[in-house]
């Protein structure tokens, strides 16, 4: 009995290519100058290689220390905000702390 070999070319119709998750800059360091109010767009720090729209959500709110220093998060505008409250210490001193703040970025795809 003879044999037949058949080579098929296949493609998947309608399937999305592999999705890449949004990527945060690492590390994220935001600095504020005492007495100078400032608004920093959080979107500066996240991107999506597939150009999918990104939704941001607060997972862990800012710490009490951050809030006491006049730092807040404007969820509607997606901005980290410093209201200009004078910071403790000398003007040359840098206050570094973990704000306890955690944001999640979701591109709506799995």
PDB file of N, CA and C in Angstrom:
ATOM      1  N   UNK A   1       0.836  -1.170   0.000  1.00  0.00           N
ATOM      2  CA  UNK A   1       0.000   0.000   0.000  1.00  0.00           C
ATOM      3  C   UNK A   1       0.887   1.241   0.000  1.00  0.00           C
ATOM      4  N   UNK A   2       0.497   2.235  -0.772  1.00  0.00           N
ATOM      5  CA  UNK A   2       1.262   3.457  -0.844  1.00  0.00           C
ATOM      6  C   UNK A   2       0.979   4.409   0.324  1.00  0.00           C
ATOM      7  N   UNK A   3       1.833   5.421   0.489  1.00  0.00           N
ATOM      8  CA  UNK A   3       1.638   6.422   1.541  1.00  0.00           C
ATOM      9  C   UNK A   3       1.553   7.788   0.885  1.00  0.00           C
ATOM     10  N   UNK A   4       0.751   8.639   1.490  1.00  0.00           N
ATOM     11  CA  UNK A   4       0.617  10.011   0.999  1.00  0.00           C
ATOM     12  C   UNK A   4       0.988  10.942   2.140  1.00  0.00           C
ATOM     13  N   UNK A   5       1.869  11.870   1.907  1.00  0.00           N
ATOM     14  CA  UNK A   5       2.195  12.890   2.895  1.00  0.00           C
ATOM     15  C   UNK A   5       1.579  14.194   2.458  1.00  0.00           C
ATOM     16  N   UNK A   6       0.865  14.832   3.346  1.00  0.00           N
ATOM     17  CA  UNK A   6       0.210  16.104   3.031  1.00  0.00           C
ATOM     18  C   UNK A   6       0.708  17.145   4.018  1.00  0.00           C
ATOM     19  N   UNK A   7       1.160  18.275   3.506  1.00  0.00           N
ATOM     20  CA  UNK A   7       1.569  19.390   4.354  1.00  0.00           C
ATOM     21  C   UNK A   7       0.468  20.432   4.304  1.00  0.00           C
ATOM     22  N   UNK A   8       0.020  20.850   5.446  1.00  0.00           N
ATOM     23  CA  UNK A   8      -1.036  21.854   5.519  1.00  0.00           C
ATOM     24  C   UNK A   8      -0.481  23.160   6.070  1.00  0.00           C
ATOM     25  N   UNK A   9      -0.941  24.276   5.553  1.00  0.00           N
ATOM     26  CA  UNK A   9      -0.662  25.578   6.126  1.00  0.00           C
ATOM     27  C   UNK A   9      -1.900  25.979   6.906  1.00  0.00           C
ATOM     28  N   UNK A  10      -1.695  26.391   8.131  1.00  0.00           N
ATOM     29  CA  UNK A  10      -2.848  26.749   8.963  1.00  0.00           C
ATOM     30  C   UNK A  10      -2.663  28.141   9.543  1.00  0.00           C
ATOM     31  N   UNK A  11      -3.758  28.772   9.820  1.00  0.00           N
ATOM     32  CA  UNK A  11      -3.750  30.042  10.527  1.00  0.00           C
ATOM     33  C   UNK A  11      -4.969  30.074  11.409  1.00  0.00           C
ATOM     34  N   UNK A  12      -4.904  30.887  12.407  1.00  0.00           N
ATOM     35  CA  UNK A  12      -6.030  31.013  13.320  1.00  0.00           C
ATOM     36  C   UNK A  12      -6.745  32.315  12.998  1.00  0.00           C
ATOM     37  N   UNK A  13      -8.002  32.229  12.716  1.00  0.00           N
ATOM     38  CA  UNK A  13      -8.786  33.404  12.360  1.00  0.00           C
ATOM     39  C   UNK A  13      -9.433  33.972  13.617  1.00  0.00           C
ATOM     40  N   UNK A  14      -9.272  35.246  13.791  1.00  0.00           N
ATOM     41  CA  UNK A  14      -9.951  35.908  14.902  1.00  0.00           C
ATOM     42  C   UNK A  14      -9.225  35.857  16.238  1.00  0.00           C
ATOM     43  N   UNK A  15      -8.155  35.111  16.323  1.00  0.00           N
ATOM     44  CA  UNK A  15      -7.436  35.031  17.600  1.00  0.00           C
ATOM     45  C   UNK A  15      -6.537  36.257  17.750  1.00  0.00           C
ATOM     46  N   UNK A  16      -6.479  36.795  18.954  1.00  0.00           N
ATOM     47  CA  UNK A  16      -5.614  37.944  19.215  1.00  0.00           C
ATOM     48  C   UNK A  16      -4.191  37.457  19.445  1.00  0.00           C
ATOM     49  N   UNK A  17      -3.220  38.219  18.999  1.00  0.00           N
ATOM     50  CA  UNK A  17      -1.842  37.850  19.317  1.00  0.00           C
ATOM     51  C   UNK A  17      -1.634  37.940  20.828  1.00  0.00           C
ATOM     52  N   UNK A  18      -0.560  37.365  21.281  1.00  0.00           N
ATOM     53  CA  UNK A  18      -0.278  37.381  22.723  1.00  0.00           C
ATOM     54  C   UNK A  18      -0.275  38.808  23.242  1.00  0.00           C
ATOM     55  N   UNK A  19      -0.957  39.025  24.342  1.00  0.00           N
ATOM     56  CA  UNK A  19      -1.053  40.341  24.959  1.00  0.00           C
ATOM     57  C   UNK A  19       0.099  40.545  25.936  1.00  0.00           C
ATOM     58  N   UNK A  20       0.630  41.749  25.932  1.00  0.00           N
ATOM     59  CA  UNK A  20       1.649  42.106  26.914  1.00  0.00           C
ATOM     60  C   UNK A  20       1.015  43.036  27.937  1.00  0.00           C
ATOM     61  N   UNK A  21       1.268  42.774  29.182  1.00  0.00           N
ATOM     62  CA  UNK A  21       0.678  43.554  30.275  1.00  0.00           C
ATOM     63  C   UNK A  21       1.293  44.950  30.328  1.00  0.00           C
ATOM     64  N   UNK A  22       0.566  45.916  30.913  1.00  0.00           N
ATOM     65  CA  UNK A  22       1.149  47.245  31.116  1.00  0.00           C
ATOM     66  C   UNK A  22       2.434  47.119  31.943  1.00  0.00           C
ATOM     67  N   UNK A  23       3.361  48.012  31.677  1.00  0.00           N
ATOM     68  CA  UNK A  23       4.667  47.968  32.335  1.00  0.00           C
ATOM     69  C   UNK A  23       4.922  49.279  33.061  1.00  0.00           C
ATOM     70  N   UNK A  24       5.242  49.177  34.356  1.00  0.00           N
ATOM     71  CA  UNK A  24       5.567  50.347  35.166  1.00  0.00           C
ATOM     72  C   UNK A  24       7.059  50.640  35.074  1.00  0.00           C
ATOM     73  N   UNK A  25       7.416  51.913  35.114  1.00  0.00           N
ATOM     74  CA  UNK A  25       8.816  52.306  35.216  1.00  0.00           C
ATOM     75  C   UNK A  25       9.344  51.797  36.554  1.00  0.00           C
ATOM     76  N   UNK A  26      10.611  51.482  36.598  1.00  0.00           N
ATOM     77  CA  UNK A  26      11.188  50.962  37.837  1.00  0.00           C
ATOM     78  C   UNK A  26      12.577  51.540  38.016  1.00  0.00           C
ATOM     79  N   UNK A  27      12.852  52.221  39.080  1.00  0.00           N
ATOM     80  CA  UNK A  27      11.929  52.571  40.161  1.00  0.00           C
ATOM     81  C   UNK A  27      11.165  53.854  39.825  1.00  0.00           C
ATOM     82  N   UNK A  28      10.107  54.064  40.570  1.00  0.00           N
ATOM     83  CA  UNK A  28       9.355  55.314  40.427  1.00  0.00           C
ATOM     84  C   UNK A  28       9.734  56.186  41.621  1.00  0.00           C
ATOM     85  N   UNK A  29      10.341  57.310  41.327  1.00  0.00           N
ATOM     86  CA  UNK A  29      10.748  58.242  42.371  1.00  0.00           C
ATOM     87  C   UNK A  29      10.215  59.612  41.999  1.00  0.00           C
ATOM     88  N   UNK A  30       9.368  60.142  42.840  1.00  0.00           N
ATOM     89  CA  UNK A  30       8.809  61.474  42.616  1.00  0.00           C
ATOM     90  C   UNK A  30       9.343  62.374  43.716  1.00  0.00           C
ATOM     91  N   UNK A  31       9.877  63.522  43.339  1.00  0.00           N
ATOM     92  CA  UNK A  31      10.415  64.451  44.318  1.00  0.00           C
ATOM     93  C   UNK A  31       9.624  65.753  44.278  1.00  0.00           C
ATOM     94  N   UNK A  32       9.397  66.298  45.474  1.00  0.00           N
ATOM     95  CA  UNK A  32       8.711  67.568  45.614  1.00  0.00           C
ATOM     96  C   UNK A  32       9.628  68.529  46.360  1.00  0.00           C
ATOM     97  N   UNK A  33       9.522  69.816  46.043  1.00  0.00           N
ATOM     98  CA  UNK A  33      10.289  70.855  46.719  1.00  0.00           C
ATOM     99  C   UNK A  33       9.380  71.511  47.753  1.00  0.00           C
ATOM    100  N   UNK A  34       9.876  71.629  48.969  1.00  0.00           N
ATOM    101  CA  UNK A  34       9.093  72.204  50.059  1.00  0.00           C
ATOM    102  C   UNK A  34       8.530  73.563  49.679  1.00  0.00           C
ATOM    103  N   UNK A  35       7.232  73.712  49.887  1.00  0.00           N
ATOM    104  CA  UNK A  35       6.567  74.983  49.630  1.00  0.00           C
ATOM    105  C   UNK A  35       6.132  75.207  48.188  1.00  0.00           C
ATOM    106  N   UNK A  36       6.517  74.317  47.257  1.00  0.00           N
ATOM    107  CA  UNK A  36       6.142  74.480  45.853  1.00  0.00           C
ATOM    108  C   UNK A  36       5.137  73.400  45.456  1.00  0.00           C
ATOM    109  N   UNK A  37       3.888  73.787  45.280  1.00  0.00           N
ATOM    110  CA  UNK A  37       2.872  72.796  44.917  1.00  0.00           C
ATOM    111  C   UNK A  37       3.186  72.225  43.540  1.00  0.00           C
ATOM    112  N   UNK A  38       2.781  70.978  43.353  1.00  0.00           N
ATOM    113  CA  UNK A  38       3.082  70.308  42.088  1.00  0.00           C
ATOM    114  C   UNK A  38       2.112  69.155  41.867  1.00  0.00           C
ATOM    115  N   UNK A  39       1.773  68.947  40.604  1.00  0.00           N
ATOM    116  CA  UNK A  39       0.926  67.820  40.204  1.00  0.00           C
ATOM    117  C   UNK A  39       1.712  66.973  39.208  1.00  0.00           C
ATOM    118  N   UNK A  40       1.800  65.676  39.473  1.00  0.00           N
ATOM    119  CA  UNK A  40       2.574  64.774  38.618  1.00  0.00           C
ATOM    120  C   UNK A  40       1.643  63.718  38.032  1.00  0.00           C
ATOM    121  N   UNK A  41       1.521  63.662  36.696  1.00  0.00           N
ATOM    122  CA  UNK A  41       0.677  62.635  36.085  1.00  0.00           C
ATOM    123  C   UNK A  41       1.267  61.236  36.316  1.00  0.00           C
ATOM    124  N   UNK A  42       0.489  60.368  36.888  1.00  0.00           N
ATOM    125  CA  UNK A  42       0.942  59.004  37.160  1.00  0.00           C
ATOM    126  C   UNK A  42       1.143  58.243  35.850  1.00  0.00           C
ATOM    127  N   UNK A  43       0.428  58.615  34.826  1.00  0.00           N
ATOM    128  CA  UNK A  43       0.574  57.938  33.529  1.00  0.00           C
ATOM    129  C   UNK A  43       1.977  58.083  32.931  1.00  0.00           C
ATOM    130  N   UNK A  44       2.763  59.028  33.418  1.00  0.00           N
ATOM    131  CA  UNK A  44       4.150  59.149  32.966  1.00  0.00           C
ATOM    132  C   UNK A  44       4.933  57.876  33.247  1.00  0.00           C
ATOM    133  N   UNK A  45       4.475  57.097  34.222  1.00  0.00           N
ATOM    134  CA  UNK A  45       5.246  55.967  34.722  1.00  0.00           C
ATOM    135  C   UNK A  45       4.750  54.603  34.250  1.00  0.00           C
ATOM    136  N   UNK A  46       3.728  54.567  33.385  1.00  0.00           N
ATOM    137  CA  UNK A  46       3.191  53.286  32.928  1.00  0.00           C
ATOM    138  C   UNK A  46       2.961  53.343  31.415  1.00  0.00           C
ATOM    139  N   UNK A  47       3.223  52.210  30.781  1.00  0.00           N
ATOM    140  CA  UNK A  47       3.005  52.135  29.337  1.00  0.00           C
ATOM    141  C   UNK A  47       2.487  50.746  28.977  1.00  0.00           C
ATOM    142  N   UNK A  48       1.957  50.638  27.772  1.00  0.00           N
ATOM    143  CA  UNK A  48       1.481  49.351  27.278  1.00  0.00           C
ATOM    144  C   UNK A  48       2.059  49.154  25.884  1.00  0.00           C
ATOM    145  N   UNK A  49       2.878  48.120  25.728  1.00  0.00           N
ATOM    146  CA  UNK A  49       3.556  47.871  24.450  1.00  0.00           C
ATOM    147  C   UNK A  49       2.573  47.614  23.315  1.00  0.00           C
ATOM    148  N   UNK A  50       1.375  47.141  23.643  1.00  0.00           N
ATOM    149  CA  UNK A  50       0.356  46.866  22.626  1.00  0.00           C
ATOM    150  C   UNK A  50      -0.516  48.084  22.347  1.00  0.00           C
ATOM    151  N   UNK A  51      -0.225  49.183  23.041  1.00  0.00           N
ATOM    152  CA  UNK A  51      -0.985  50.431  22.894  1.00  0.00           C
ATOM    153  C   UNK A  51      -2.447  50.281  23.317  1.00  0.00           C
ATOM    154  N   UNK A  52      -2.720  49.337  24.214  1.00  0.00           N
ATOM    155  CA  UNK A  52      -4.074  49.178  24.742  1.00  0.00           C
ATOM    156  C   UNK A  52      -4.360  50.324  25.701  1.00  0.00           C
ATOM    157  N   UNK A  53      -5.614  50.761  25.797  1.00  0.00           N
ATOM    158  CA  UNK A  53      -5.949  51.765  26.809  1.00  0.00           C
ATOM    159  C   UNK A  53      -5.738  51.168  28.204  1.00  0.00           C
ATOM    160  N   UNK A  54      -5.240  51.992  29.113  1.00  0.00           N
ATOM    161  CA  UNK A  54      -4.922  51.528  30.468  1.00  0.00           C
ATOM    162  C   UNK A  54      -5.863  52.178  31.472  1.00  0.00           C
ATOM    163  N   UNK A  55      -6.381  51.359  32.376  1.00  0.00           N
ATOM    164  CA  UNK A  55      -7.184  51.853  33.485  1.00  0.00           C
ATOM    165  C   UNK A  55      -6.350  51.733  34.753  1.00  0.00           C
ATOM    166  N   UNK A  56      -6.292  52.814  35.534  1.00  0.00           N
ATOM    167  CA  UNK A  56      -5.558  52.791  36.793  1.00  0.00           C
ATOM    168  C   UNK A  56      -6.536  52.677  37.954  1.00  0.00           C
ATOM    169  N   UNK A  57      -6.142  51.911  38.963  1.00  0.00           N
ATOM    170  CA  UNK A  57      -6.979  51.750  40.157  1.00  0.00           C
ATOM    171  C   UNK A  57      -6.085  51.741  41.391  1.00  0.00           C
ATOM    172  N   UNK A  58      -6.547  52.371  42.458  1.00  0.00           N
ATOM    173  CA  UNK A  58      -5.799  52.393  43.717  1.00  0.00           C
ATOM    174  C   UNK A  58      -5.988  51.057  44.421  1.00  0.00           C
ATOM    175  N   UNK A  59      -4.875  50.368  44.700  1.00  0.00           N
ATOM    176  CA  UNK A  59      -4.927  49.123  45.480  1.00  0.00           C
ATOM    177  C   UNK A  59      -4.674  49.404  46.952  1.00  0.00           C
ATOM    178  N   UNK A  60      -3.718  50.288  47.227  1.00  0.00           N
ATOM    179  CA  UNK A  60      -3.405  50.676  48.603  1.00  0.00           C
ATOM    180  C   UNK A  60      -3.300  52.192  48.636  1.00  0.00           C
ATOM    181  N   UNK A  61      -4.105  52.859  49.475  1.00  0.00           N
ATOM    182  CA  UNK A  61      -4.058  54.322  49.515  1.00  0.00           C
ATOM    183  C   UNK A  61      -2.753  54.833  50.124  1.00  0.00           C
ATOM    184  N   UNK A  62      -2.513  56.125  49.959  1.00  0.00           N
ATOM    185  CA  UNK A  62      -1.333  56.758  50.534  1.00  0.00           C
ATOM    186  C   UNK A  62      -1.286  56.589  52.041  1.00  0.00           C
ATOM    187  N   UNK A  63      -0.073  56.513  52.577  1.00  0.00           N
ATOM    188  CA  UNK A  63       0.110  56.368  54.023  1.00  0.00           C
ATOM    189  C   UNK A  63      -0.265  57.656  54.747  1.00  0.00           C
ATOM    190  N   UNK A  64      -0.475  57.541  56.050  1.00  0.00           N
ATOM    191  CA  UNK A  64      -0.783  58.710  56.878  1.00  0.00           C
ATOM    192  C   UNK A  64       0.378  59.702  56.831  1.00  0.00           C
ATOM    193  N   UNK A  65       1.619  59.199  56.742  1.00  0.00           N
ATOM    194  CA  UNK A  65       2.784  60.088  56.673  1.00  0.00           C
ATOM    195  C   UNK A  65       2.731  60.935  55.409  1.00  0.00           C
ATOM    196  N   UNK A  66       2.429  60.319  54.280  1.00  0.00           N
ATOM    197  CA  UNK A  66       2.342  61.070  53.022  1.00  0.00           C
ATOM    198  C   UNK A  66       1.252  62.129  53.103  1.00  0.00           C
ATOM    199  N   UNK A  67       0.104  61.742  53.609  1.00  0.00           N
ATOM    200  CA  UNK A  67      -1.009  62.687  53.723  1.00  0.00           C
ATOM    201  C   UNK A  67      -0.655  63.849  54.649  1.00  0.00           C
ATOM    202  N   UNK A  68       0.065  63.562  55.742  1.00  0.00           N
ATOM    203  CA  UNK A  68       0.433  64.615  56.689  1.00  0.00           C
ATOM    204  C   UNK A  68       1.436  65.596  56.076  1.00  0.00           C
ATOM    205  N   UNK A  69       2.158  65.173  55.048  1.00  0.00           N
ATOM    206  CA  UNK A  69       3.114  66.044  54.368  1.00  0.00           C
ATOM    207  C   UNK A  69       2.473  66.819  53.214  1.00  0.00           C
ATOM    208  N   UNK A  70       1.172  66.646  53.013  1.00  0.00           N
ATOM    209  CA  UNK A  70       0.464  67.379  51.966  1.00  0.00           C
ATOM    210  C   UNK A  70       0.459  66.675  50.619  1.00  0.00           C
ATOM    211  N   UNK A  71       0.744  65.379  50.618  1.00  0.00           N
ATOM    212  CA  UNK A  71       0.758  64.610  49.379  1.00  0.00           C
ATOM    213  C   UNK A  71      -0.539  63.822  49.284  1.00  0.00           C
ATOM    214  N   UNK A  72      -1.164  63.871  48.117  1.00  0.00           N
ATOM    215  CA  UNK A  72      -2.423  63.144  47.919  1.00  0.00           C
ATOM    216  C   UNK A  72      -2.467  62.601  46.490  1.00  0.00           C
ATOM    217  N   UNK A  73      -3.501  61.828  46.217  1.00  0.00           N
ATOM    218  CA  UNK A  73      -3.691  61.298  44.865  1.00  0.00           C
ATOM    219  C   UNK A  73      -5.050  61.735  44.362  1.00  0.00           C
ATOM    220  N   UNK A  74      -5.057  62.415  43.231  1.00  0.00           N
ATOM    221  CA  UNK A  74      -6.293  62.850  42.594  1.00  0.00           C
ATOM    222  C   UNK A  74      -6.685  61.748  41.609  1.00  0.00           C
ATOM    223  N   UNK A  75      -7.620  60.915  42.031  1.00  0.00           N
ATOM    224  CA  UNK A  75      -8.000  59.746  41.238  1.00  0.00           C
ATOM    225  C   UNK A  75      -8.658  60.134  39.913  1.00  0.00           C
ATOM    226  N   UNK A  76      -9.451  61.182  39.917  1.00  0.00           N
ATOM    227  CA  UNK A  76     -10.150  61.601  38.702  1.00  0.00           C
ATOM    228  C   UNK A  76      -9.167  62.031  37.608  1.00  0.00           C
ATOM    229  N   UNK A  77      -8.113  62.745  37.998  1.00  0.00           N
ATOM    230  CA  UNK A  77      -7.122  63.234  37.032  1.00  0.00           C
ATOM    231  C   UNK A  77      -5.874  62.361  36.964  1.00  0.00           C
ATOM    232  N   UNK A  78      -5.826  61.321  37.799  1.00  0.00           N
ATOM    233  CA  UNK A  78      -4.689  60.396  37.871  1.00  0.00           C
ATOM    234  C   UNK A  78      -3.384  61.149  38.114  1.00  0.00           C
ATOM    235  N   UNK A  79      -3.410  62.001  39.131  1.00  0.00           N
ATOM    236  CA  UNK A  79      -2.255  62.837  39.463  1.00  0.00           C
ATOM    237  C   UNK A  79      -1.829  62.620  40.912  1.00  0.00           C
ATOM    238  N   UNK A  80      -0.518  62.539  41.120  1.00  0.00           N
ATOM    239  CA  UNK A  80       0.045  62.605  42.453  1.00  0.00           C
ATOM    240  C   UNK A  80       0.211  64.086  42.746  1.00  0.00           C
ATOM    241  N   UNK A  81      -0.308  64.548  43.869  1.00  0.00           N
ATOM    242  CA  UNK A  81      -0.405  65.981  44.140  1.00  0.00           C
ATOM    243  C   UNK A  81       0.327  66.335  45.437  1.00  0.00           C
ATOM    244  N   UNK A  82       1.122  67.394  45.377  1.00  0.00           N
ATOM    245  CA  UNK A  82       1.724  67.981  46.575  1.00  0.00           C
ATOM    246  C   UNK A  82       1.162  69.386  46.687  1.00  0.00           C
ATOM    247  N   UNK A  83       0.561  69.683  47.843  1.00  0.00           N
ATOM    248  CA  UNK A  83      -0.140  70.965  47.991  1.00  0.00           C
ATOM    249  C   UNK A  83       0.751  72.138  48.389  1.00  0.00           C
ATOM    250  N   UNK A  84       2.042  71.891  48.563  1.00  0.00           N
ATOM    251  CA  UNK A  84       2.950  72.981  48.901  1.00  0.00           C
ATOM    252  C   UNK A  84       3.141  73.190  50.389  1.00  0.00           C
ATOM    253  N   UNK A  85       2.569  72.342  51.224  1.00  0.00           N
ATOM    254  CA  UNK A  85       2.765  72.439  52.670  1.00  0.00           C
ATOM    255  C   UNK A  85       4.264  72.426  52.970  1.00  0.00           C
ATOM    256  N   UNK A  86       4.763  73.382  53.764  1.00  0.00           N
ATOM    257  CA  UNK A  86       6.183  73.362  54.106  1.00  0.00           C
ATOM    258  C   UNK A  86       6.561  72.034  54.775  1.00  0.00           C
ATOM    259  N   UNK A  87       7.633  71.441  54.287  1.00  0.00           N
ATOM    260  CA  UNK A  87       8.082  70.160  54.826  1.00  0.00           C
ATOM    261  C   UNK A  87       9.007  70.391  56.015  1.00  0.00           C
ATOM    262  N   UNK A  88       9.036  69.464  56.972  1.00  0.00           N
ATOM    263  CA  UNK A  88       9.936  69.611  58.119  1.00  0.00           C
ATOM    264  C   UNK A  88      11.401  69.501  57.679  1.00  0.00           C
ATOM    265  N   UNK A  89      12.293  70.097  58.456  1.00  0.00           N
ATOM    266  CA  UNK A  89      13.723  70.018  58.152  1.00  0.00           C
ATOM    267  C   UNK A  89      14.207  71.216  57.374  1.00  0.00           C
ATOM    268  N   UNK A  90      15.477  71.196  57.064  1.00  0.00           N
ATOM    269  CA  UNK A  90      16.084  72.312  56.336  1.00  0.00           C
ATOM    270  C   UNK A  90      15.760  72.207  54.852  1.00  0.00           C
ATOM    271  N   UNK A  91      15.870  73.314  54.113  1.00  0.00           N
ATOM    272  CA  UNK A  91      15.569  73.282  52.674  1.00  0.00           C
ATOM    273  C   UNK A  91      16.450  72.308  51.892  1.00  0.00           C
ATOM    274  N   UNK A  92      17.670  72.052  52.372  1.00  0.00           N
ATOM    275  CA  UNK A  92      18.575  71.151  51.675  1.00  0.00           C
ATOM    276  C   UNK A  92      18.304  69.677  52.015  1.00  0.00           C
ATOM    277  N   UNK A  93      17.543  69.444  53.054  1.00  0.00           N
ATOM    278  CA  UNK A  93      17.297  68.081  53.518  1.00  0.00           C
ATOM    279  C   UNK A  93      16.293  67.375  52.603  1.00  0.00           C
ATOM    280  N   UNK A  94      16.564  66.123  52.333  1.00  0.00           N
ATOM    281  CA  UNK A  94      15.646  65.309  51.552  1.00  0.00           C
ATOM    282  C   UNK A  94      14.938  64.343  52.482  1.00  0.00           C
ATOM    283  N   UNK A  95      13.623  64.319  52.403  1.00  0.00           N
ATOM    284  CA  UNK A  95      12.833  63.364  53.180  1.00  0.00           C
ATOM    285  C   UNK A  95      12.482  62.225  52.245  1.00  0.00           C
ATOM    286  N   UNK A  96      12.935  61.037  52.566  1.00  0.00           N
ATOM    287  CA  UNK A  96      12.615  59.876  51.748  1.00  0.00           C
ATOM    288  C   UNK A  96      11.772  58.915  52.582  1.00  0.00           C
ATOM    289  N   UNK A  97      10.710  58.435  51.981  1.00  0.00           N
ATOM    290  CA  UNK A  97       9.870  57.481  52.686  1.00  0.00           C
ATOM    291  C   UNK A  97       9.046  56.709  51.680  1.00  0.00           C
ATOM    292  N   UNK A  98       8.573  55.554  52.110  1.00  0.00           N
ATOM    293  CA  UNK A  98       7.676  54.749  51.289  1.00  0.00           C
ATOM    294  C   UNK A  98       6.269  55.260  51.555  1.00  0.00           C
ATOM    295  N   UNK A  99       5.633  55.779  50.523  1.00  0.00           N
ATOM    296  CA  UNK A  99       4.303  56.360  50.686  1.00  0.00           C
ATOM    297  C   UNK A  99       3.234  55.296  50.920  1.00  0.00           C
ATOM    298  N   UNK A 100       3.599  54.022  50.823  1.00  0.00           N
ATOM    299  CA  UNK A 100       2.624  52.959  51.042  1.00  0.00           C
ATOM    300  C   UNK A 100       1.555  52.925  49.970  1.00  0.00           C
ATOM    301  N   UNK A 101       1.830  53.571  48.858  1.00  0.00           N
ATOM    302  CA  UNK A 101       0.848  53.778  47.801  1.00  0.00           C
ATOM    303  C   UNK A 101       1.032  52.722  46.728  1.00  0.00           C
ATOM    304  N   UNK A 102      -0.071  52.099  46.332  1.00  0.00           N
ATOM    305  CA  UNK A 102       0.021  51.076  45.297  1.00  0.00           C
ATOM    306  C   UNK A 102      -1.099  51.259  44.286  1.00  0.00           C
ATOM    307  N   UNK A 103      -0.703  51.384  43.020  1.00  0.00           N
ATOM    308  CA  UNK A 103      -1.649  51.512  41.927  1.00  0.00           C
ATOM    309  C   UNK A 103      -1.583  50.263  41.060  1.00  0.00           C
ATOM    310  N   UNK A 104      -2.708  49.890  40.483  1.00  0.00           N
ATOM    311  CA  UNK A 104      -2.749  48.791  39.540  1.00  0.00           C
ATOM    312  C   UNK A 104      -3.073  49.350  38.164  1.00  0.00           C
ATOM    313  N   UNK A 105      -2.386  48.834  37.150  1.00  0.00           N
ATOM    314  CA  UNK A 105      -2.652  49.220  35.761  1.00  0.00           C
ATOM    315  C   UNK A 105      -3.243  48.018  35.044  1.00  0.00           C
ATOM    316  N   UNK A 106      -4.364  48.228  34.375  1.00  0.00           N
ATOM    317  CA  UNK A 106      -5.058  47.136  33.695  1.00  0.00           C
ATOM    318  C   UNK A 106      -5.366  47.560  32.264  1.00  0.00           C
ATOM    319  N   UNK A 107      -4.995  46.693  31.315  1.00  0.00           N
ATOM    320  CA  UNK A 107      -5.278  47.012  29.916  1.00  0.00           C
ATOM    321  C   UNK A 107      -6.556  46.348  29.424  1.00  0.00           C
ATOM    322  N   UNK A 108      -7.276  45.684  30.330  1.00  0.00           N
ATOM    323  CA  UNK A 108      -8.575  45.093  29.994  1.00  0.00           C
ATOM    324  C   UNK A 108      -8.492  43.826  29.156  1.00  0.00           C
ATOM    325  N   UNK A 109      -7.274  43.323  28.971  1.00  0.00           N
ATOM    326  CA  UNK A 109      -7.111  42.090  28.186  1.00  0.00           C
ATOM    327  C   UNK A 109      -6.445  41.037  29.071  1.00  0.00           C
ATOM    328  N   UNK A 110      -6.663  39.810  28.731  1.00  0.00           N
ATOM    329  CA  UNK A 110      -6.051  38.739  29.521  1.00  0.00           C
ATOM    330  C   UNK A 110      -4.911  38.102  28.775  1.00  0.00           C
TER     331      UNK A 110
END
